[in-house]
C-alpha atoms as a PDB file:
ATOM      1  CA  MET A   1      17.411 -11.630  75.504  1.00  0.00           C
ATOM      2  CA  GLN A   2      19.496 -14.748  76.054  1.00  0.00           C
ATOM      3  CA  LYS A   3      18.497 -16.787  79.099  1.00  0.00           C
ATOM      4  CA  GLN A   4      21.021 -17.140  81.906  1.00  0.00           C
ATOM      5  CA  GLY A   5      21.298 -20.678  83.154  1.00  0.00           C
ATOM      6  CA  ALA A   6      21.925 -21.945  86.659  1.00  0.00           C
ATOM      7  CA  MET A   7      23.713 -24.950  88.081  1.00  0.00           C
ATOM      8  CA  MET A   8      23.052 -26.785  91.326  1.00  0.00           C
ATOM      9  CA  VAL A   9      26.175 -28.528  92.617  1.00  0.00           C
ATOM     10  CA  VAL A  10      25.771 -31.303  95.206  1.00  0.00           C
ATOM     11  CA  CYS A  11      28.756 -33.087  96.748  1.00  0.00           C
ATOM     12  CA  THR A  12      28.253 -36.393  98.529  1.00  0.00           C
ATOM     13  CA  ARG A  13      30.132 -39.259 100.143  1.00  0.00           C
ATOM     14  CA  ILE A  14      29.000 -42.913 100.334  1.00  0.00           C
ATOM     15  CA  ASN A  15      28.823 -44.656 103.685  1.00  0.00           C
ATOM     16  CA  PRO A  16      30.895 -47.879 103.851  1.00  0.00           C
ATOM     17  CA  GLY A  17      29.032 -50.892 102.524  1.00  0.00           C
ATOM     18  CA  LYS A  18      26.243 -48.816 100.974  1.00  0.00           C
ATOM     19  CA  GLU A  19      27.610 -48.468  97.425  1.00  0.00           C
ATOM     20  CA  GLU A  20      24.916 -50.475  95.636  1.00  0.00           C
ATOM     21  CA  ALA A  21      22.027 -48.880  97.540  1.00  0.00           C
ATOM     22  CA  TYR A  22      23.522 -45.408  97.120  1.00  0.00           C
ATOM     23  CA  HIS A  23      23.776 -45.714  93.342  1.00  0.00           C
ATOM     24  CA  LYS A  24      20.286 -47.191  93.037  1.00  0.00           C
ATOM     25  CA  TRP A  25      18.846 -44.319  95.089  1.00  0.00           C
ATOM     26  CA  TYR A  26      20.791 -41.650  93.204  1.00  0.00           C
ATOM     27  CA  ASP A  27      19.914 -43.012  89.756  1.00  0.00           C
ATOM     28  CA  GLU A  28      16.243 -42.683  90.657  1.00  0.00           C
ATOM     29  CA  HIS A  29      16.816 -39.241  92.201  1.00  0.00           C
ATOM     30  CA  ALA A  30      18.601 -37.969  89.081  1.00  0.00           C
ATOM     31  CA  SER A  31      15.779 -39.240  86.863  1.00  0.00           C
ATOM     32  CA  ILE A  32      13.170 -37.466  88.996  1.00  0.00           C
ATOM     33  CA  MET A  33      15.061 -34.170  88.793  1.00  0.00           C
ATOM     34  CA  PHE A  34      15.651 -34.576  85.062  1.00  0.00           C
ATOM     35  CA  ASP A  35      11.903 -34.861  84.499  1.00  0.00           C
ATOM     36  CA  TYR A  36      11.625 -31.132  85.236  1.00  0.00           C
ATOM     37  CA  PRO A  37      11.157 -29.512  81.783  1.00  0.00           C
ATOM     38  CA  GLY A  38      13.663 -26.733  82.468  1.00  0.00           C
ATOM     39  CA  MET A  39      16.455 -29.157  83.371  1.00  0.00           C
ATOM     40  CA  GLU A  40      19.036 -29.313  80.586  1.00  0.00           C
ATOM     41  CA  ARG A  41      21.454 -31.889  81.986  1.00  0.00           C
ATOM     42  CA  VAL A  42      22.015 -33.969  85.117  1.00  0.00           C
ATOM     43  CA  SER A  43      25.244 -35.839  85.747  1.00  0.00           C
ATOM     44  CA  ARG A  44      26.615 -37.617  88.796  1.00  0.00           C
ATOM     45  CA  ASN A  45      30.389 -37.744  88.634  1.00  0.00           C
ATOM     46  CA  ARG A  46      32.857 -39.925  90.540  1.00  0.00           C
ATOM     47  CA  CYS A  47      36.317 -38.739  91.553  1.00  0.00           C
ATOM     48  CA  ILE A  48      38.935 -40.844  89.773  1.00  0.00           C
ATOM     49  CA  ARG A  49      42.070 -38.799  90.480  1.00  0.00           C
ATOM     50  CA  PRO A  50      42.688 -35.931  92.915  1.00  0.00           C
ATOM     51  CA  ILE A  51      45.057 -33.293  91.531  1.00  0.00           C
ATOM     52  CA  VAL A  52      45.992 -30.961  94.401  1.00  0.00           C
ATOM     53  CA  ASP A  53      45.362 -33.155  97.462  1.00  0.00           C
ATOM     54  CA  ASP A  54      45.509 -36.794  98.553  1.00  0.00           C
ATOM     55  CA  GLY A  55      41.797 -37.367  98.083  1.00  0.00           C
ATOM     56  CA  ASP A  56      40.725 -36.180 101.530  1.00  0.00           C
ATOM     57  CA  ILE A  57      39.459 -32.793 100.246  1.00  0.00           C
ATOM     58  CA  SER A  58      38.160 -33.452  96.741  1.00  0.00           C
ATOM     59  CA  PRO A  59      34.510 -34.600  96.957  1.00  0.00           C
ATOM     60  CA  GLU A  60      33.983 -38.293  96.229  1.00  0.00           C
ATOM     61  CA  TYR A  61      30.881 -37.595  94.110  1.00  0.00           C
ATOM     62  CA  ILE A  62      29.695 -34.363  92.519  1.00  0.00           C
ATOM     63  CA  THR A  63      26.259 -34.129  90.925  1.00  0.00           C
ATOM     64  CA  LEU A  64      25.650 -31.249  88.515  1.00  0.00           C
ATOM     65  CA  TYR A  65      22.049 -30.175  87.829  1.00  0.00           C
ATOM     66  CA  GLU A  66      22.039 -27.689  84.942  1.00  0.00           C
ATOM     67  CA  LEU A  67      18.952 -25.507  84.466  1.00  0.00           C
ATOM     68  CA  LYS A  68      18.164 -23.615  81.280  1.00  0.00           C
ATOM     69  CA  ASP A  69      16.980 -20.443  83.003  1.00  0.00           C
ATOM     70  CA  LYS A  70      17.982 -18.969  86.357  1.00  0.00           C
ATOM     71  CA  ALA A  71      14.778 -16.874  86.301  1.00  0.00           C
ATOM     72  CA  ASP A  72      12.787 -20.131  86.468  1.00  0.00           C
ATOM     73  CA  LEU A  73      14.090 -21.135  89.921  1.00  0.00           C
ATOM     74  CA  ASP A  74      10.834 -20.344  91.727  1.00  0.00           C
ATOM     75  CA  ASN A  75       8.947 -22.686  89.410  1.00  0.00           C
ATOM     76  CA  TYR A  76      11.665 -25.305  89.885  1.00  0.00           C
ATOM     77  CA  PHE A  77      11.320 -25.227  93.683  1.00  0.00           C
ATOM     78  CA  LYS A  78       7.516 -25.440  93.415  1.00  0.00           C
ATOM     79  CA  SER A  79       7.494 -28.200  90.793  1.00  0.00           C
ATOM     80  CA  PRO A  80       6.064 -31.705  91.344  1.00  0.00           C
ATOM     81  CA  GLN A  81       9.505 -33.070  90.465  1.00  0.00           C
ATOM     82  CA  MET A  82      11.059 -31.218  93.403  1.00  0.00           C
ATOM     83  CA  ASP A  83       8.268 -32.439  95.703  1.00  0.00           C
ATOM     84  CA  ARG A  84       8.946 -36.035  94.633  1.00  0.00           C
ATOM     85  CA  ALA A  85      12.705 -35.596  95.065  1.00  0.00           C
ATOM     86  CA  LYS A  86      12.267 -34.172  98.578  1.00  0.00           C
ATOM     87  CA  GLN A  87       9.957 -37.013  99.549  1.00  0.00           C
ATOM     88  CA  GLN A  88      12.405 -39.594  98.211  1.00  0.00           C
ATOM     89  CA  PHE A  89      15.249 -37.951 100.148  1.00  0.00           C
ATOM     90  CA  GLU A  90      13.301 -37.867 103.403  1.00  0.00           C
ATOM     91  CA  GLU A  91      12.131 -41.474 103.094  1.00  0.00           C
ATOM     92  CA  ASP A  92      15.148 -43.300 101.693  1.00  0.00           C
ATOM     93  CA  TRP A  93      18.407 -41.322 101.952  1.00  0.00           C
ATOM     94  CA  GLU A  94      19.257 -41.880 105.625  1.00  0.00           C
ATOM     95  CA  GLY A  95      22.219 -44.191 106.104  1.00  0.00           C
ATOM     96  CA  LEU A  96      23.362 -44.170 102.476  1.00  0.00           C
ATOM     97  CA  GLY A  97      25.841 -41.303 102.683  1.00  0.00           C
ATOM     98  CA  ASP A  98      26.536 -37.703 103.596  1.00  0.00           C
ATOM     99  CA  VAL A  99      25.759 -34.485 101.742  1.00  0.00           C
ATOM    100  CA  LEU A 100      29.006 -32.561 102.172  1.00  0.00           C
ATOM    101  CA  TRP A 101      27.837 -29.278 100.662  1.00  0.00           C
ATOM    102  CA  SER A 102      25.614 -27.948  97.923  1.00  0.00           C
ATOM    103  CA  GLY A 103      24.514 -24.700  96.363  1.00  0.00           C
ATOM    104  CA  PHE A 104      23.164 -22.935  93.306  1.00  0.00           C
ATOM    105  CA  TYR A 105      25.639 -21.301  90.933  1.00  0.00           C
ATOM    106  CA  GLU A 106      25.324 -18.780  88.114  1.00  0.00           C
ATOM    107  CA  PRO A 107      27.635 -18.772  85.076  1.00  0.00           C
ATOM    108  CA  LEU A 108      30.277 -16.056  84.893  1.00  0.00           C
ATOM    109  CA  ASN A 109      32.045 -17.392  81.826  1.00  0.00           C
ATOM    110  CA  VAL A 110      31.273 -20.318  79.511  1.00  0.00           C
ATOM    111  CA  LEU A 111      33.557 -21.364  76.661  1.00  0.00           C
ATOM    112  CA  LYS A 112      32.216 -23.927  74.193  1.00  0.00           C
ATOM    113  CA  ARG A 113      34.026 -25.568  71.315  1.00  0.00           C
ATOM    114  CA  LYS A 114      31.577 -28.350  70.440  1.00  0.00           C
ATOM    115  CA  PRO A 115      28.581 -30.124  71.980  1.00  0.00           C
ATOM    116  CA  LEU A 116      29.391 -32.816  74.494  1.00  0.00           C
ATOM    117  CA  ALA A 117      29.508 -36.194  72.741  1.00  0.00           C
ATOM    118  CA  GLY A 118      27.320 -39.022  73.995  1.00  0.00           C
ATOM    119  CA  ASN A 119      26.211 -39.551  77.568  1.00  0.00           C
ATOM    120  CA  LYS A 120      29.626 -39.952  79.188  1.00  0.00           C
ATOM    121  CA  ARG A 121      31.557 -37.063  80.722  1.00  0.00           C
ATOM    122  CA  PHE A 122      35.231 -36.783  81.674  1.00  0.00           C
ATOM    123  CA  LEU A 123      35.857 -33.671  83.704  1.00  0.00           C
ATOM    124  CA  GLU A 124      38.226 -31.718  85.835  1.00  0.00           C
ATOM    125  CA  ILE A 125      36.291 -29.882  88.539  1.00  0.00           C
ATOM    126  CA  VAL A 126      37.933 -27.137  90.603  1.00  0.00           C
ATOM    127  CA  GLY A 127      36.770 -25.336  93.730  1.00  0.00           C
ATOM    128  CA  SER A 128      38.450 -21.985  94.265  1.00  0.00           C
ATOM    129  CA  GLY A 129      38.125 -18.425  95.474  1.00  0.00           C
ATOM    130  CA  PRO A 130      40.160 -15.296  96.177  1.00  0.00           C
ATOM    131  CA  LYS A 131      42.525 -14.985  99.092  1.00  0.00           C
ATOM    132  CA  PRO A 132      41.513 -12.188 101.509  1.00  0.00           C
ATOM    133  CA  GLY A 133      41.616  -8.816  99.773  1.00  0.00           C
ATOM    134  CA  GLN A 134      42.547 -10.320  96.398  1.00  0.00           C
ATOM    135  CA  ASP A 135      39.147 -10.497  94.676  1.00  0.00           C
ATOM    136  CA  ALA A 136      40.013  -8.457  91.584  1.00  0.00           C
ATOM    137  CA  ALA A 137      43.467 -10.005  91.181  1.00  0.00           C
ATOM    138  CA  TYR A 138      42.020 -13.507  91.549  1.00  0.00           C
ATOM    139  CA  LEU A 139      39.433 -12.917  88.823  1.00  0.00           C
ATOM    140  CA  ASP A 140      42.017 -11.346  86.503  1.00  0.00           C
ATOM    141  CA  TYR A 141      44.390 -14.270  86.936  1.00  0.00           C
ATOM    142  CA  TYR A 142      41.920 -17.115  86.855  1.00  0.00           C
ATOM    143  CA  VAL A 143      39.787 -15.979  83.923  1.00  0.00           C
ATOM    144  CA  ASP A 144      42.981 -15.535  81.913  1.00  0.00           C
ATOM    145  CA  HIS A 145      44.189 -18.964  83.097  1.00  0.00           C
ATOM    146  CA  PHE A 146      41.202 -21.039  82.034  1.00  0.00           C
ATOM    147  CA  THR A 147      40.888 -19.068  78.795  1.00  0.00           C
ATOM    148  CA  ARG A 148      44.438 -20.172  77.986  1.00  0.00           C
ATOM    149  CA  MET A 149      43.601 -23.752  78.982  1.00  0.00           C
ATOM    150  CA  PHE A 150      40.821 -23.651  76.373  1.00  0.00           C
ATOM    151  CA  GLU A 151      43.530 -23.511  73.709  1.00  0.00           C
ATOM    152  CA  TYR A 152      43.851 -27.273  74.308  1.00  0.00           C
ATOM    153  CA  ASP A 153      41.593 -28.679  71.614  1.00  0.00           C
ATOM    154  CA  GLY A 154      40.642 -31.737  73.661  1.00  0.00           C
ATOM    155  CA  ILE A 155      38.506 -29.524  75.927  1.00  0.00           C
ATOM    156  CA  SER A 156      34.916 -29.307  74.688  1.00  0.00           C
ATOM    157  CA  GLU A 157      33.584 -26.846  77.248  1.00  0.00           C
ATOM    158  CA  ILE A 158      34.618 -24.798  80.284  1.00  0.00           C
ATOM    159  CA  SER A 159      31.992 -23.474  82.709  1.00  0.00           C
ATOM    160  CA  TYR A 160      33.082 -21.002  85.392  1.00  0.00           C
ATOM    161  CA  VAL A 161      30.293 -20.432  87.917  1.00  0.00           C
ATOM    162  CA  ARG A 162      29.750 -18.456  91.136  1.00  0.00           C
ATOM    163  CA  MET A 163      27.551 -19.444  94.069  1.00  0.00           C
ATOM    164  CA  PHE A 164      24.519 -17.230  94.572  1.00  0.00           C
ATOM    165  CA  MET A 165      22.424 -19.480  96.835  1.00  0.00           C
ATOM    166  CA  PRO A 166      24.134 -21.748  99.393  1.00  0.00           C
ATOM    167  CA  MET A 167      22.268 -24.866 100.468  1.00  0.00           C
ATOM    168  CA  ALA A 168      23.878 -27.560 102.665  1.00  0.00           C
ATOM    169  CA  GLN A 169      27.257 -26.326 103.893  1.00  0.00           C
ATOM    170  CA  ASP A 170      30.230 -27.860 105.684  1.00  0.00           C
ATOM    171  CA  GLY A 171      31.683 -24.546 106.856  1.00  0.00           C
ATOM    172  CA  LYS A 172      34.069 -24.248 103.906  1.00  0.00           C
ATOM    173  CA  SER A 173      33.833 -21.640 101.187  1.00  0.00           C
ATOM    174  CA  HIS A 174      33.194 -22.931  97.681  1.00  0.00           C
ATOM    175  CA  ASP A 175      32.231 -19.650  96.084  1.00  0.00           C
ATOM    176  CA  TYR A 176      33.549 -20.522  92.610  1.00  0.00           C
ATOM    177  CA  VAL A 177      33.492 -23.813  90.724  1.00  0.00           C
ATOM    178  CA  THR A 178      35.055 -24.489  87.338  1.00  0.00           C
ATOM    179  CA  VAL A 179      34.050 -27.467  85.199  1.00  0.00           C
ATOM    180  CA  TYR A 180      36.377 -28.534  82.383  1.00  0.00           C
ATOM    181  CA  ASP A 181      34.668 -31.002  80.018  1.00  0.00           C
ATOM    182  CA  PHE A 182      37.036 -33.128  77.925  1.00  0.00           C
ATOM    183  CA  GLU A 183      35.984 -34.833  74.713  1.00  0.00           C
ATOM    184  CA  SER A 184      37.273 -38.205  75.968  1.00  0.00           C
ATOM    185  CA  GLU A 185      39.188 -39.881  78.779  1.00  0.00           C
ATOM    186  CA  GLU A 186      42.274 -39.975  76.545  1.00  0.00           C
ATOM    187  CA  ALA A 187      42.024 -36.220  75.955  1.00  0.00           C
ATOM    188  CA  MET A 188      41.728 -35.609  79.702  1.00  0.00           C
ATOM    189  CA  ASN A 189      44.774 -37.710  80.535  1.00  0.00           C
ATOM    190  CA  ALA A 190      46.858 -36.146  77.745  1.00  0.00           C
ATOM    191  CA  PHE A 191      45.950 -32.615  78.885  1.00  0.00           C
ATOM    192  CA  TYR A 192      48.298 -32.767  81.891  1.00  0.00           C
ATOM    193  CA  ARG A 193      51.244 -33.556  79.605  1.00  0.00           C
ATOM    194  CA  SER A 194      50.365 -30.917  77.019  1.00  0.00           C
ATOM    195  CA  PRO A 195      52.356 -27.670  76.541  1.00  0.00           C
ATOM    196  CA  VAL A 196      49.140 -25.720  77.202  1.00  0.00           C
ATOM    197  CA  PHE A 197      49.061 -27.101  80.754  1.00  0.00           C
ATOM    198  CA  THR A 198      52.762 -27.333  81.560  1.00  0.00           C
ATOM    199  CA  SER A 199      53.495 -23.797  80.336  1.00  0.00           C
ATOM    200  CA  ALA A 200      51.141 -22.380  82.978  1.00  0.00           C
ATOM    201  CA  LYS A 201      53.242 -23.593  85.923  1.00  0.00           C
ATOM    202  CA  GLN A 202      55.486 -20.542  86.226  1.00  0.00           C
ATOM    203  CA  GLU A 203      52.566 -18.137  85.933  1.00  0.00           C
ATOM    204  CA  TRP A 204      50.735 -20.081  88.652  1.00  0.00           C
ATOM    205  CA  GLU A 205      53.691 -19.886  91.018  1.00  0.00           C
ATOM    206  CA  GLN A 206      54.342 -16.185  90.424  1.00  0.00           C
ATOM    207  CA  ILE A 207      50.833 -14.774  89.949  1.00  0.00           C
ATOM    208  CA  GLY A 208      48.233 -17.393  90.852  1.00  0.00           C
ATOM    209  CA  GLN A 209      49.362 -18.675  94.242  1.00  0.00           C
ATOM    210  CA  PRO A 210      49.545 -15.254  95.946  1.00  0.00           C
ATOM    211  CA  VAL A 211      45.934 -14.378  95.040  1.00  0.00           C
ATOM    212  CA  MET A 212      44.019 -17.655  94.577  1.00  0.00           C
ATOM    213  CA  ASP A 213      42.710 -20.047  97.212  1.00  0.00           C
ATOM    214  CA  LEU A 214      42.802 -23.342  95.307  1.00  0.00           C
ATOM    215  CA  GLN A 215      40.556 -25.405  97.560  1.00  0.00           C
ATOM    216  CA  TRP A 216      40.481 -28.641  95.548  1.00  0.00           C
ATOM    217  CA  ALA A 217      40.796 -29.966  92.047  1.00  0.00           C
ATOM    218  CA  ALA A 218      40.218 -33.485  90.734  1.00  0.00           C
ATOM    219  CA  CYS A 219      39.380 -35.525  87.663  1.00  0.00           C
ATOM    220  CA  TYR A 220      35.923 -37.062  87.473  1.00  0.00           C
ATOM    221  CA  GLU A 221      34.004 -39.428  85.226  1.00  0.00           C
ATOM    222  CA  SER A 222      30.239 -39.565  85.004  1.00  0.00           C
ATOM    223  CA  VAL A 223      28.340 -42.468  86.537  1.00  0.00           C
ATOM    224  CA  ILE A 224      25.102 -41.235  85.001  1.00  0.00           C
ATOM    225  CA  CYS A 225      24.539 -38.419  82.524  1.00  0.00           C
ATOM    226  CA  LEU A 226      21.076 -37.365  81.324  1.00  0.00           C
ATOM    227  CA  GLU A 227      20.880 -34.664  78.680  1.00  0.00           C
ATOM    228  CA  ARG A 228      18.167 -33.202  76.457  1.00  0.00           C
END
């Protein structure tokens, strides 16, 4: 039986004047978490361009912790790596920034064209969900949408995940997150001019908008990316 992975998504914001200390703390934190044997990849990603807002909604930083096996979560929470990470957070995090929200997600659909190249990621990350009473219509529309987006050959991987364990919350719903991994920054920038993307506009206006709560979407680049 194929193992089902899990992804912890953590969104943060830096306090003014704390940039250097924040990055130093988070680099160490990411390394601690990556030491867990079941951790496949850890990346902290900085917002470089909001897509559907002015930057006041899209999280400034999103860290993605990708576990090989969802069934291994109990061991993950009880691991010495998690104990060290909690201790580091309690001792050194205060004053560096804010945790906006976080949670554990399970994959609903993953499309892969090729392995991610190198230790640098360029991503579009989207937070979404159904409008009230539109669950089935939302899933029908959105799964078809990102499957069509995968026709763009500059996308290496698309991961569509659903929250199953909320952690820190800001009162907003972020039930579904989609991560589009591009093979390069050039491929990401060219995507928004491609026929694959521009042809979806009419379908979005007619079918997507009535059923989908598009909470935020933005382009990100990795500040640190650790991968086995």
